Amino acid sequence: MMYLQSPQDQRAPGLPARGRRRSMNPPVPDWQGLRVWVIGASTGIGAETAKLLLERGALVALSARKAALLDEVAGGHPRALVLPLDTTVHAQVQQARDRLLEAWQGVDLVLVVAGAYVEMRAETFDMAVVNQTLDVNLRGVFHCLDSVLPTLLQQGQGGVGIVSSVAGLSGLPKALVYGPTKAALINLCESLYFDLSPRNIGVYLINPGFVETPATAQNNFAMPGLISAGRAAEEILDGIRRGRFHIHFPRRFTNWLRFARLLPYRWYFSLIHKVTGL
């Protein structure tokens, strides 16, 4: 099974022929039979994305720490492959990769959704929590990339999507550790695109706004544009289908933040303070 491309995208490796391809990544016209690995599939966005992919005919490998939750999401589906792992343990990610390749002999799309969310301000700074968040949100993502990049490069096709957050676009209150880790993922995706796009490998930067998940359930402030995890999954798959690089949603909220980051700092800080009250 191959990562699907339109005929004009079937070309030898080299600089992207942007005049011949309007989308930044190879579009995905049909999910039927595609091999997709969702890492962070036990709850929230990852779980809903895995379910939607199964509904649309993909072969789906589901990974996260809690095997029981993965089994529940998979629901005994014949096209589901449950691969429990902890992304912070490099060897576990590699072992899961080996099992996946043994079953499928390749992979068409890897979605790294796993992440940790924790509120932190200067007066509650906790280095232990900082290190835990860095391990999950950054080191864990690099463990995943180390495990899948050789396969994607050898195949000369496929794609990788990384879930960051609009909190990574610019500094926000209560995001003293979460925000910087997500900002790093944005930079990582941008850098990956330079290396993988010429090799016909898609890179998808996924920046959700507020989504109803177990993580955001702890928030004690208003969350503008809050959407369901199911809606987030639809947005992600639609963005990948269209070959977009930057997939962000809900746009009425995310575009506002994208504009705010362009303001002079004095205006930006004043605006965020006014909007959040923080």
Protein backbone atom coordinates (compact mmCIF):
# COMPACT_ATOMS: atom_id res chain seq x y z
CA MET A 1 0.00 0.00 0.00
CA MET A 2 1.31 3.38 -0.93
CA TYR A 3 0.74 6.85 0.38
CA LEU A 4 -1.58 8.20 -2.29
CA GLN A 5 -0.53 10.93 -4.68
CA SER A 6 -2.08 12.63 -7.66
CA PRO A 7 -0.34 11.72 -10.94
CA GLN A 8 1.43 15.05 -11.21
CA ASP A 9 3.09 14.43 -7.81
CA GLN A 10 4.70 11.15 -8.91
CA ARG A 11 8.15 12.45 -9.65
CA ALA A 12 11.76 11.77 -8.74
CA PRO A 13 13.07 13.30 -5.50
CA GLY A 14 14.07 16.92 -5.77
CA LEU A 15 12.79 20.38 -4.98
CA PRO A 16 8.97 20.47 -4.91
CA ALA A 17 7.42 21.52 -8.20
CA ARG A 18 5.26 24.16 -6.55
CA GLY A 19 3.91 25.39 -9.85
CA ARG A 20 2.51 21.92 -10.52
CA ARG A 21 1.29 21.24 -6.98
CA ARG A 22 -0.80 23.81 -5.16
CA SER A 23 -0.80 21.98 -1.82
CA MET A 24 2.33 21.94 0.33
CA ASN A 25 2.10 18.17 0.84
CA PRO A 26 0.92 15.28 -1.33
CA PRO A 27 -2.88 15.18 -0.98
CA VAL A 28 -4.58 12.03 0.33
CA PRO A 29 -7.70 11.42 -1.78
CA ASP A 30 -8.72 8.19 -0.02
CA TRP A 31 -7.96 6.67 3.41
CA GLN A 32 -8.96 3.17 2.30
CA GLY A 33 -6.14 0.74 3.09
CA LEU A 34 -3.63 3.36 4.23
CA ARG A 35 -1.40 2.31 7.14
CA VAL A 36 -1.59 4.93 9.88
CA TRP A 37 0.16 4.88 13.27
CA VAL A 38 -1.52 7.09 15.88
CA ILE A 39 0.74 7.62 18.89
CA GLY A 40 -1.30 8.96 21.78
CA ALA A 41 -4.52 7.17 20.83
CA SER A 42 -5.98 6.28 24.23
CA THR A 43 -8.02 9.44 24.87
CA GLY A 44 -9.01 12.82 23.43
CA ILE A 45 -7.90 13.89 19.97
CA GLY A 46 -5.79 10.79 19.36
CA ALA A 47 -8.59 8.37 20.25
CA GLU A 48 -11.14 10.18 18.09
CA THR A 49 -8.70 10.39 15.18
CA ALA A 50 -8.00 6.64 15.39
CA LYS A 51 -11.74 5.86 15.42
CA LEU A 52 -12.38 8.13 12.44
CA LEU A 53 -9.55 6.57 10.46
CA LEU A 54 -10.96 3.10 11.10
CA GLU A 55 -14.38 4.31 9.94
CA ARG A 56 -12.80 5.59 6.73
CA GLY A 57 -11.09 2.33 5.88
CA ALA A 58 -7.51 2.82 7.13
CA LEU A 59 -5.37 0.26 8.89
CA VAL A 60 -4.68 1.89 12.25
CA ALA A 61 -1.99 1.15 14.83
CA LEU A 62 -2.90 2.61 18.22
CA SER A 63 -0.26 3.46 20.79
CA ALA A 64 -0.25 4.98 24.27
CA ARG A 65 0.71 3.86 27.76
CA LYS A 66 -2.61 2.31 28.85
CA ALA A 67 -3.34 -0.87 26.91
CA ALA A 68 -6.87 -1.22 28.31
CA LEU A 69 -7.89 2.17 26.93
CA LEU A 70 -6.33 1.36 23.57
CA ASP A 71 -8.30 -1.88 23.43
CA GLU A 72 -11.46 0.09 24.16
CA VAL A 73 -10.77 2.57 21.35
CA ALA A 74 -9.87 -0.25 18.92
CA GLY A 75 -13.08 -2.07 19.81
CA GLY A 76 -11.81 -5.34 18.37
CA HIS A 77 -11.75 -3.86 14.87
CA PRO A 78 -9.96 -6.21 12.42
CA ARG A 79 -7.94 -3.34 10.95
CA ALA A 80 -6.74 -2.09 14.36
CA LEU A 81 -3.31 -2.97 15.73
CA VAL A 82 -2.77 -2.18 19.43
CA LEU A 83 0.84 -1.33 20.32
CA PRO A 84 1.15 -0.06 23.93
CA LEU A 85 4.19 2.10 24.66
CA ASP A 86 5.51 5.00 26.69
CA THR A 87 6.98 7.61 24.34
CA THR A 88 9.49 8.66 26.99
CA VAL A 89 11.08 5.18 26.81
CA HIS A 90 13.02 5.00 23.56
CA ALA A 91 13.27 1.21 23.51
CA GLN A 92 9.49 0.82 23.82
CA VAL A 93 8.89 3.06 20.80
CA GLN A 94 11.40 1.09 18.74
CA GLN A 95 9.88 -2.23 19.79
CA ALA A 96 6.42 -1.00 18.78
CA ARG A 97 7.85 0.19 15.45
CA ASP A 98 9.33 -3.24 14.83
CA ARG A 99 6.00 -4.94 15.53
CA LEU A 100 4.24 -2.52 13.20
CA LEU A 101 6.68 -3.13 10.35
CA GLU A 102 6.46 -6.87 10.88
CA ALA A 103 2.68 -6.65 10.50
CA TRP A 104 2.50 -4.07 7.70
CA GLN A 105 5.95 -4.00 6.03
CA GLY A 106 5.75 -0.20 5.97
CA VAL A 107 3.78 2.80 7.17
CA ASP A 108 2.02 5.56 5.25
CA LEU A 109 1.35 8.13 7.97
CA VAL A 110 2.55 8.62 11.55
CA LEU A 111 0.58 10.97 13.81
CA VAL A 112 2.31 11.94 17.04
CA VAL A 113 -0.51 13.17 19.27
CA ALA A 114 0.84 12.21 22.70
CA GLY A 115 1.53 15.15 24.97
CA ALA A 116 1.28 16.44 28.53
CA TYR A 117 -0.52 19.59 29.60
CA VAL A 118 0.16 21.33 32.88
CA GLU A 119 -0.49 24.88 34.05
CA MET A 120 2.48 26.72 35.50
CA ARG A 121 3.28 30.28 36.52
CA ALA A 122 6.40 31.79 38.07
CA GLU A 123 5.07 31.42 41.62
CA THR A 124 4.39 27.69 41.08
CA PHE A 125 7.58 26.86 39.20
CA ASP A 126 8.47 23.20 39.75
CA MET A 127 11.55 21.75 38.11
CA ALA A 128 10.33 18.17 38.50
CA VAL A 129 7.18 19.02 36.53
CA VAL A 130 9.27 20.89 33.96
CA ASN A 131 11.42 17.82 33.35
CA GLN A 132 8.39 15.51 33.12
CA THR A 133 6.74 17.82 30.57
CA LEU A 134 9.93 18.13 28.54
CA ASP A 135 10.26 14.33 28.48
CA VAL A 136 6.73 13.82 27.13
CA ASN A 137 6.30 16.84 24.86
CA LEU A 138 9.80 16.98 23.37
CA ARG A 139 11.97 13.96 24.08
CA GLY A 140 9.05 11.62 23.41
CA VAL A 141 8.42 13.22 20.02
CA PHE A 142 12.08 12.84 19.08
CA HIS A 143 11.93 9.18 20.13
CA CYS A 144 9.04 8.73 17.70
CA LEU A 145 10.87 10.50 14.89
CA ASP A 146 14.00 8.45 15.45
CA SER A 147 11.91 5.31 15.09
CA VAL A 148 10.02 6.23 11.91
CA LEU A 149 12.21 8.56 9.86
CA PRO A 150 14.51 5.80 8.51
CA THR A 151 11.48 3.88 7.24
CA LEU A 152 9.87 6.92 5.62
CA LEU A 153 13.14 7.93 3.97
CA GLN A 154 13.75 4.41 2.70
CA GLN A 155 10.21 4.24 1.29
CA GLY A 156 10.53 7.65 -0.36
CA GLN A 157 6.89 8.36 0.50
CA GLY A 158 4.59 8.72 3.49
CA GLY A 159 4.01 11.44 6.03
CA VAL A 160 4.39 12.49 9.63
CA GLY A 161 2.08 14.79 11.59
CA ILE A 162 2.90 16.31 14.98
CA VAL A 163 0.29 17.81 17.29
CA SER A 164 1.60 21.03 18.79
CA SER A 165 -0.73 23.81 20.01
CA VAL A 166 -1.58 27.44 19.36
CA ALA A 167 -0.04 27.93 22.82
CA GLY A 168 3.27 27.55 21.02
CA LEU A 169 2.69 30.54 18.74
CA SER A 170 3.59 33.06 21.44
CA GLY A 171 3.84 33.37 25.20
CA LEU A 172 0.64 32.99 27.22
CA PRO A 173 -0.26 33.12 30.92
CA LYS A 174 -0.14 29.78 32.78
CA ALA A 175 1.91 28.22 29.97
CA LEU A 176 5.40 28.60 31.42
CA VAL A 177 6.47 25.07 30.45
CA TYR A 178 3.68 23.83 28.15
CA GLY A 179 3.97 26.79 25.76
CA PRO A 180 7.74 26.52 25.19
CA THR A 181 7.53 22.78 24.47
CA LYS A 182 4.83 23.41 21.87
CA ALA A 183 6.82 26.28 20.37
CA ALA A 184 9.70 23.86 19.94
CA LEU A 185 7.43 21.44 18.07
CA ILE A 186 6.37 24.19 15.68
CA ASN A 187 10.02 24.91 14.95
CA LEU A 188 10.67 21.17 14.58
CA CYS A 189 7.93 20.75 11.96
CA GLU A 190 9.16 23.75 10.02
CA SER A 191 12.69 22.32 9.99
CA LEU A 192 11.45 18.85 9.04
CA TYR A 193 9.60 20.26 6.07
CA PHE A 194 12.84 21.51 4.52
CA ASP A 195 14.28 17.98 4.65
CA LEU A 196 11.27 15.78 3.92
CA SER A 197 9.22 17.70 1.36
CA PRO A 198 11.85 17.36 -1.41
CA ARG A 199 11.70 13.61 -0.77
CA ASN A 200 7.93 13.55 -1.29
CA ILE A 201 7.27 12.91 2.42
CA GLY A 202 4.49 14.98 3.94
CA VAL A 203 4.94 17.04 7.11
CA TYR A 204 1.86 18.23 8.99
CA LEU A 205 2.05 20.83 11.75
CA ILE A 206 -1.15 20.46 13.77
CA ASN A 207 -2.03 23.38 16.06
CA PRO A 208 -5.34 22.91 17.89
CA GLY A 209 -7.00 25.61 19.91
CA PHE A 210 -9.14 24.59 22.89
CA VAL A 211 -10.46 21.04 22.55
CA GLU A 212 -12.62 19.11 25.01
CA THR A 213 -10.18 16.53 26.39
CA PRO A 214 -9.20 15.22 29.84
CA ALA A 215 -6.34 17.74 29.76
CA THR A 216 -8.46 20.85 29.19
CA ALA A 217 -11.06 19.65 31.70
CA GLN A 218 -8.75 20.99 34.44
CA ASN A 219 -8.89 24.57 33.11
CA ASN A 220 -10.71 27.02 35.36
CA PHE A 221 -10.97 29.81 32.80
CA ALA A 222 -13.07 30.53 29.73
CA MET A 223 -11.84 28.68 26.63
CA PRO A 224 -12.78 30.60 23.46
CA GLY A 225 -13.84 28.49 20.49
CA LEU A 226 -13.92 25.24 22.48
CA ILE A 227 -14.65 22.25 20.19
CA SER A 228 -15.10 18.53 20.70
CA ALA A 229 -12.32 16.00 20.19
CA GLY A 230 -14.39 14.45 17.40
CA ARG A 231 -14.50 17.78 15.56
CA ALA A 232 -10.73 18.13 16.04
CA ALA A 233 -10.19 14.71 14.48
CA GLU A 234 -12.26 15.72 11.45
CA GLU A 235 -10.23 18.92 11.06
CA ILE A 236 -6.96 16.98 11.20
CA LEU A 237 -7.95 14.41 8.59
CA ASP A 238 -9.42 17.09 6.34
CA GLY A 239 -6.19 19.09 6.52
CA ILE A 240 -4.08 16.06 5.68
CA ARG A 241 -6.46 15.11 2.87
CA ARG A 242 -5.96 18.55 1.36
CA GLY A 243 -2.18 18.37 1.72
CA ARG A 244 -1.91 21.31 4.12
CA PHE A 245 1.25 21.90 6.12
CA HIS A 246 -0.29 24.01 8.89
CA ILE A 247 -3.52 22.50 10.20
CA HIS A 248 -5.08 24.74 12.85
CA PHE A 249 -8.56 24.94 14.30
CA PRO A 250 -11.05 26.36 15.11
CA ARG A 251 -9.92 29.04 12.69
CA ARG A 252 -12.04 31.83 14.15
CA PHE A 253 -9.88 31.49 17.27
CA THR A 254 -6.54 30.32 15.88
CA ASN A 255 -6.40 33.04 13.22
CA TRP A 256 -6.95 35.63 15.95
CA LEU A 257 -3.92 34.30 17.84
CA ARG A 258 -1.86 34.17 14.66
CA PHE A 259 -2.63 37.85 14.11
CA ALA A 260 -1.92 38.76 17.75
CA ARG A 261 1.61 37.36 17.56
CA LEU A 262 2.42 39.93 14.84
CA LEU A 263 1.62 42.89 17.09
CA PRO A 264 4.30 44.96 18.85
CA TYR A 265 4.99 43.43 22.25
CA ARG A 266 3.46 46.30 24.20
CA TRP A 267 0.18 45.84 22.30
CA TYR A 268 0.37 42.04 22.48
CA PHE A 269 0.82 41.87 26.26
CA SER A 270 -1.95 44.40 26.79
CA LEU A 271 -4.35 42.53 24.49
CA ILE A 272 -3.73 39.09 26.04
CA HIS A 273 -4.10 40.53 29.54
CA LYS A 274 -7.37 42.17 28.57
CA VAL A 275 -8.78 39.04 26.96
CA THR A 276 -7.71 36.54 29.64
CA GLY A 277 -7.76 38.75 32.73
CA LEU A 278 -4.43 37.14 33.68
